N, C-alpha and C. Protein backbone atom coordinates (compact mmCIF):
# COMPACT_ATOMS: atom_id res chain seq x y z
N MET A 1 12.85 -35.37 19.99
CA MET A 1 13.02 -35.55 18.56
C MET A 1 13.60 -36.94 18.27
N GLN A 2 14.59 -37.37 19.06
CA GLN A 2 15.20 -38.68 18.85
C GLN A 2 14.15 -39.80 18.95
N GLN A 3 13.22 -39.67 19.90
CA GLN A 3 12.17 -40.68 20.07
C GLN A 3 11.28 -40.75 18.83
N LEU A 4 10.93 -39.60 18.28
CA LEU A 4 10.09 -39.55 17.08
C LEU A 4 10.78 -40.25 15.91
N VAL A 5 12.05 -39.93 15.70
CA VAL A 5 12.79 -40.52 14.59
C VAL A 5 12.98 -42.02 14.81
N ALA A 6 13.29 -42.42 16.03
CA ALA A 6 13.42 -43.85 16.33
C ALA A 6 12.11 -44.58 16.05
N GLN A 7 10.99 -43.97 16.41
CA GLN A 7 9.68 -44.57 16.15
C GLN A 7 9.44 -44.71 14.65
N LYS A 8 9.78 -43.68 13.87
CA LYS A 8 9.58 -43.72 12.43
C LYS A 8 10.44 -44.80 11.77
N VAL A 9 11.69 -44.93 12.21
CA VAL A 9 12.57 -45.98 11.68
C VAL A 9 12.01 -47.35 12.06
N SER A 10 11.54 -47.47 13.29
CA SER A 10 10.94 -48.71 13.77
C SER A 10 9.72 -49.09 12.93
N ASP A 11 8.85 -48.13 12.68
CA ASP A 11 7.65 -48.38 11.86
C ASP A 11 8.04 -48.80 10.44
N LEU A 12 9.03 -48.14 9.88
CA LEU A 12 9.48 -48.44 8.52
C LEU A 12 10.03 -49.86 8.42
N LEU A 13 10.85 -50.25 9.38
CA LEU A 13 11.51 -51.54 9.32
C LEU A 13 10.72 -52.68 9.96
N GLY A 14 9.73 -52.35 10.78
CA GLY A 14 9.02 -53.38 11.51
C GLY A 14 9.87 -54.01 12.59
N ILE A 15 10.79 -53.22 13.15
CA ILE A 15 11.68 -53.67 14.22
C ILE A 15 11.38 -52.81 15.45
N PRO A 16 11.18 -53.43 16.62
CA PRO A 16 10.87 -52.65 17.82
C PRO A 16 11.98 -51.66 18.18
N HIS A 17 11.61 -50.58 18.84
CA HIS A 17 12.60 -49.63 19.33
C HIS A 17 12.41 -49.45 20.83
N GLY A 18 13.46 -49.02 21.48
CA GLY A 18 13.43 -48.76 22.91
C GLY A 18 14.69 -49.30 23.57
N LYS A 19 14.70 -49.22 24.89
CA LYS A 19 15.87 -49.69 25.65
C LYS A 19 16.09 -51.18 25.37
N ASP A 20 17.32 -51.55 25.10
CA ASP A 20 17.72 -52.94 24.83
C ASP A 20 17.14 -53.50 23.52
N GLU A 21 16.69 -52.63 22.62
CA GLU A 21 16.19 -53.06 21.31
C GLU A 21 17.22 -52.72 20.23
N LEU A 22 16.97 -53.16 19.00
CA LEU A 22 17.89 -52.89 17.89
C LEU A 22 17.86 -51.44 17.42
N ILE A 23 16.82 -50.70 17.81
CA ILE A 23 16.69 -49.27 17.52
C ILE A 23 16.51 -48.56 18.85
N GLN A 24 17.44 -47.64 19.16
CA GLN A 24 17.40 -46.94 20.44
C GLN A 24 17.64 -45.45 20.22
N SER A 25 16.92 -44.62 20.97
CA SER A 25 17.24 -43.19 20.93
C SER A 25 18.23 -42.90 22.04
N ARG A 26 19.22 -42.08 21.71
CA ARG A 26 20.25 -41.74 22.71
C ARG A 26 19.72 -40.65 23.63
N GLU A 27 20.18 -40.69 24.85
CA GLU A 27 19.84 -39.64 25.81
C GLU A 27 20.60 -38.38 25.44
N MET A 28 20.07 -37.25 25.83
CA MET A 28 20.72 -35.97 25.57
C MET A 28 22.12 -35.98 26.18
N GLY A 29 23.08 -35.42 25.45
CA GLY A 29 24.44 -35.28 25.96
C GLY A 29 25.36 -36.46 25.69
N GLN A 30 24.81 -37.57 25.22
CA GLN A 30 25.67 -38.71 24.90
C GLN A 30 26.30 -38.50 23.54
N SER A 31 27.52 -39.02 23.37
CA SER A 31 28.21 -38.85 22.09
C SER A 31 27.71 -39.90 21.10
N GLY A 32 27.93 -39.61 19.83
CA GLY A 32 27.53 -40.52 18.76
C GLY A 32 26.23 -40.10 18.13
N THR A 33 25.71 -40.98 17.28
CA THR A 33 24.46 -40.68 16.58
C THR A 33 23.32 -40.57 17.58
N ASP A 34 22.28 -39.84 17.21
CA ASP A 34 21.15 -39.64 18.12
C ASP A 34 20.19 -40.82 18.13
N VAL A 35 20.18 -41.60 17.05
CA VAL A 35 19.41 -42.84 17.00
C VAL A 35 20.41 -43.96 16.78
N LYS A 36 20.51 -44.85 17.74
CA LYS A 36 21.46 -45.96 17.67
C LYS A 36 20.80 -47.14 16.98
N LEU A 37 21.43 -47.63 15.92
CA LEU A 37 20.92 -48.78 15.17
C LEU A 37 21.90 -49.93 15.34
N ILE A 38 21.37 -51.11 15.65
CA ILE A 38 22.18 -52.28 15.93
C ILE A 38 21.75 -53.43 15.02
N GLY A 39 22.72 -54.22 14.59
CA GLY A 39 22.43 -55.45 13.85
C GLY A 39 21.59 -55.23 12.60
N GLU A 40 20.46 -55.94 12.54
CA GLU A 40 19.58 -55.88 11.37
C GLU A 40 19.10 -54.46 11.08
N ALA A 41 18.82 -53.69 12.12
CA ALA A 41 18.36 -52.31 11.91
C ALA A 41 19.43 -51.49 11.20
N LYS A 42 20.67 -51.66 11.59
CA LYS A 42 21.78 -50.94 10.96
C LYS A 42 22.00 -51.40 9.52
N GLU A 43 21.84 -52.70 9.27
CA GLU A 43 22.01 -53.23 7.92
C GLU A 43 20.93 -52.73 6.97
N ARG A 44 19.71 -52.58 7.47
CA ARG A 44 18.59 -52.21 6.62
C ARG A 44 18.39 -50.70 6.51
N PHE A 45 18.80 -49.93 7.50
CA PHE A 45 18.65 -48.48 7.47
C PHE A 45 20.05 -47.89 7.56
N ARG A 46 20.62 -47.58 6.41
CA ARG A 46 22.04 -47.24 6.30
C ARG A 46 22.32 -45.75 6.49
N PHE A 47 21.75 -45.17 7.55
CA PHE A 47 21.98 -43.76 7.86
C PHE A 47 22.46 -43.60 9.29
N SER A 48 23.34 -42.63 9.47
CA SER A 48 23.73 -42.16 10.80
C SER A 48 22.92 -40.90 11.04
N ILE A 49 22.08 -40.91 12.07
CA ILE A 49 21.07 -39.87 12.25
C ILE A 49 21.47 -38.88 13.33
N GLU A 50 21.41 -37.60 12.98
CA GLU A 50 21.60 -36.49 13.92
C GLU A 50 20.25 -35.78 14.03
N CYS A 51 19.76 -35.55 15.24
CA CYS A 51 18.47 -34.88 15.46
C CYS A 51 18.67 -33.55 16.17
N LYS A 52 17.93 -32.54 15.73
CA LYS A 52 17.98 -31.23 16.37
C LYS A 52 16.57 -30.69 16.50
N ALA A 53 16.23 -30.21 17.70
CA ALA A 53 14.95 -29.55 17.94
C ALA A 53 15.27 -28.23 18.62
N GLN A 54 15.45 -27.19 17.82
CA GLN A 54 15.86 -25.90 18.35
C GLN A 54 15.15 -24.78 17.58
N GLU A 55 15.03 -23.64 18.22
CA GLU A 55 14.39 -22.49 17.58
C GLU A 55 15.35 -21.76 16.63
N SER A 56 16.60 -21.65 17.04
CA SER A 56 17.62 -21.00 16.23
C SER A 56 18.44 -22.08 15.53
N TRP A 57 18.49 -22.00 14.21
CA TRP A 57 19.14 -23.06 13.43
C TRP A 57 20.55 -22.68 13.03
N SER A 58 21.45 -23.65 13.18
CA SER A 58 22.84 -23.54 12.72
C SER A 58 23.09 -24.73 11.80
N ILE A 59 22.42 -24.72 10.67
CA ILE A 59 22.35 -25.89 9.79
C ILE A 59 23.72 -26.41 9.38
N HIS A 60 24.64 -25.54 9.05
CA HIS A 60 25.97 -26.00 8.61
C HIS A 60 26.75 -26.64 9.76
N ASP A 61 26.61 -26.10 10.96
CA ASP A 61 27.25 -26.72 12.12
C ASP A 61 26.65 -28.09 12.39
N TRP A 62 25.34 -28.21 12.24
CA TRP A 62 24.67 -29.49 12.47
C TRP A 62 25.08 -30.52 11.43
N ILE A 63 25.21 -30.08 10.18
CA ILE A 63 25.67 -30.99 9.12
C ILE A 63 27.08 -31.48 9.44
N ASP A 64 27.94 -30.56 9.87
CA ASP A 64 29.30 -30.96 10.25
C ASP A 64 29.26 -31.99 11.38
N GLN A 65 28.37 -31.79 12.35
CA GLN A 65 28.24 -32.73 13.46
C GLN A 65 27.74 -34.09 12.95
N ALA A 66 26.75 -34.07 12.05
CA ALA A 66 26.23 -35.32 11.48
C ALA A 66 27.33 -36.06 10.73
N LYS A 67 28.12 -35.32 9.96
CA LYS A 67 29.23 -35.94 9.22
C LYS A 67 30.27 -36.51 10.19
N GLY A 68 30.53 -35.80 11.28
CA GLY A 68 31.51 -36.24 12.26
C GLY A 68 31.08 -37.50 13.00
N ASN A 69 29.77 -37.71 13.14
CA ASN A 69 29.25 -38.89 13.84
C ASN A 69 28.90 -40.02 12.88
N LYS A 70 29.13 -39.83 11.59
CA LYS A 70 28.75 -40.82 10.58
C LYS A 70 29.53 -42.10 10.78
N MET A 71 28.80 -43.21 10.83
CA MET A 71 29.43 -44.51 11.00
C MET A 71 29.82 -45.07 9.63
N THR A 72 30.85 -45.88 9.60
CA THR A 72 31.33 -46.49 8.36
C THR A 72 30.20 -47.25 7.67
N GLY A 73 30.09 -47.07 6.37
CA GLY A 73 29.09 -47.79 5.58
C GLY A 73 27.71 -47.17 5.61
N THR A 74 27.61 -45.97 6.17
CA THR A 74 26.31 -45.28 6.21
C THR A 74 26.44 -43.90 5.58
N ASP A 75 25.30 -43.28 5.34
CA ASP A 75 25.24 -41.88 4.93
C ASP A 75 24.73 -41.08 6.11
N TRP A 76 25.10 -39.82 6.19
CA TRP A 76 24.61 -38.98 7.28
C TRP A 76 23.20 -38.49 6.94
N LEU A 77 22.41 -38.28 7.99
CA LEU A 77 21.05 -37.76 7.85
C LEU A 77 20.78 -36.84 9.02
N LEU A 78 20.36 -35.64 8.73
CA LEU A 78 20.02 -34.65 9.75
C LEU A 78 18.50 -34.48 9.76
N VAL A 79 17.89 -34.58 10.95
CA VAL A 79 16.47 -34.31 11.11
C VAL A 79 16.36 -33.12 12.05
N ALA A 80 15.68 -32.07 11.59
CA ALA A 80 15.61 -30.83 12.38
C ALA A 80 14.17 -30.36 12.49
N LYS A 81 13.87 -29.73 13.62
CA LYS A 81 12.53 -29.22 13.86
C LYS A 81 12.58 -27.97 14.73
N ARG A 82 11.68 -27.08 14.43
CA ARG A 82 11.44 -25.89 15.24
C ARG A 82 10.01 -26.00 15.77
N SER A 83 9.71 -25.45 16.94
CA SER A 83 8.35 -25.57 17.47
C SER A 83 7.35 -24.94 16.50
N GLY A 84 6.23 -25.62 16.36
CA GLY A 84 5.20 -25.12 15.44
C GLY A 84 5.43 -25.48 13.98
N SER A 85 6.45 -26.26 13.71
CA SER A 85 6.73 -26.63 12.32
C SER A 85 6.96 -28.14 12.24
N GLU A 86 6.84 -28.66 11.04
CA GLU A 86 7.07 -30.07 10.79
C GLU A 86 8.57 -30.35 10.76
N PRO A 87 8.99 -31.53 11.19
CA PRO A 87 10.40 -31.89 11.07
C PRO A 87 10.80 -32.00 9.60
N VAL A 88 12.05 -31.68 9.33
CA VAL A 88 12.59 -31.82 7.97
C VAL A 88 13.82 -32.70 8.01
N ALA A 89 14.07 -33.39 6.89
CA ALA A 89 15.26 -34.23 6.76
C ALA A 89 16.21 -33.54 5.79
N VAL A 90 17.49 -33.53 6.13
CA VAL A 90 18.52 -32.93 5.30
C VAL A 90 19.57 -34.00 5.04
N MET A 91 19.96 -34.13 3.77
CA MET A 91 21.00 -35.10 3.41
C MET A 91 21.81 -34.57 2.25
N ASP A 92 22.90 -35.25 1.97
CA ASP A 92 23.76 -34.91 0.85
C ASP A 92 22.98 -35.06 -0.46
N LEU A 93 23.15 -34.11 -1.38
CA LEU A 93 22.41 -34.12 -2.65
C LEU A 93 22.68 -35.38 -3.46
N ASP A 94 23.93 -35.81 -3.55
CA ASP A 94 24.24 -37.03 -4.30
C ASP A 94 23.57 -38.26 -3.69
N THR A 95 23.50 -38.31 -2.37
CA THR A 95 22.81 -39.41 -1.70
C THR A 95 21.33 -39.40 -2.04
N PHE A 96 20.73 -38.23 -2.03
CA PHE A 96 19.31 -38.09 -2.37
C PHE A 96 19.03 -38.64 -3.76
N PHE A 97 19.82 -38.24 -4.74
CA PHE A 97 19.59 -38.70 -6.11
C PHE A 97 19.95 -40.17 -6.28
N ARG A 98 20.93 -40.67 -5.55
CA ARG A 98 21.23 -42.09 -5.60
C ARG A 98 20.04 -42.91 -5.10
N LEU A 99 19.42 -42.45 -4.02
CA LEU A 99 18.25 -43.14 -3.48
C LEU A 99 17.09 -43.12 -4.47
N LEU A 100 16.88 -41.99 -5.10
CA LEU A 100 15.82 -41.91 -6.11
C LEU A 100 16.10 -42.85 -7.27
N LYS A 101 17.33 -42.90 -7.69
CA LYS A 101 17.71 -43.77 -8.82
C LYS A 101 17.48 -45.24 -8.48
N GLU A 102 17.67 -45.61 -7.22
CA GLU A 102 17.51 -47.00 -6.78
C GLU A 102 16.05 -47.41 -6.62
N ARG A 103 15.13 -46.46 -6.61
CA ARG A 103 13.71 -46.78 -6.44
C ARG A 103 13.19 -47.51 -7.67
N PRO A 104 12.53 -48.64 -7.48
CA PRO A 104 12.03 -49.40 -8.63
C PRO A 104 10.91 -48.68 -9.38
N THR A 105 10.22 -47.72 -8.74
CA THR A 105 9.14 -47.02 -9.42
C THR A 105 9.61 -45.86 -10.27
N LEU A 106 10.87 -45.49 -10.14
CA LEU A 106 11.41 -44.40 -10.93
C LEU A 106 11.78 -44.94 -12.30
N LYS A 107 11.13 -44.43 -13.32
CA LYS A 107 11.38 -44.93 -14.68
C LYS A 107 11.98 -43.83 -15.52
N ARG A 108 12.99 -44.20 -16.27
CA ARG A 108 13.61 -43.26 -17.21
C ARG A 108 12.89 -43.35 -18.54
N LYS A 109 12.83 -42.24 -19.22
CA LYS A 109 12.26 -42.24 -20.58
C LYS A 109 13.35 -42.23 -21.58
């Protein structure tokens, strides 16, 4: 799952990912965020990412873990997947609406 998310962030930013790159997926069991962002990648993608690929979901525990690993100046982001289903992104509601408000295509009437 970490590799998939790292690839998606890489595609979005146009910054390579992999070992010794600005976007790296962490190995299982390492502490910290599951996708490590360095330098320009961290400045442009302001999320601390927690990834979970499990059949049994403990969403609130995972959110707590994402919040606990959140780096200063970022918002937490949880990406979760179960086999046979598409990955989903979970974030704080206020963050979601702040991002929508910042979109230049969102017009108020």
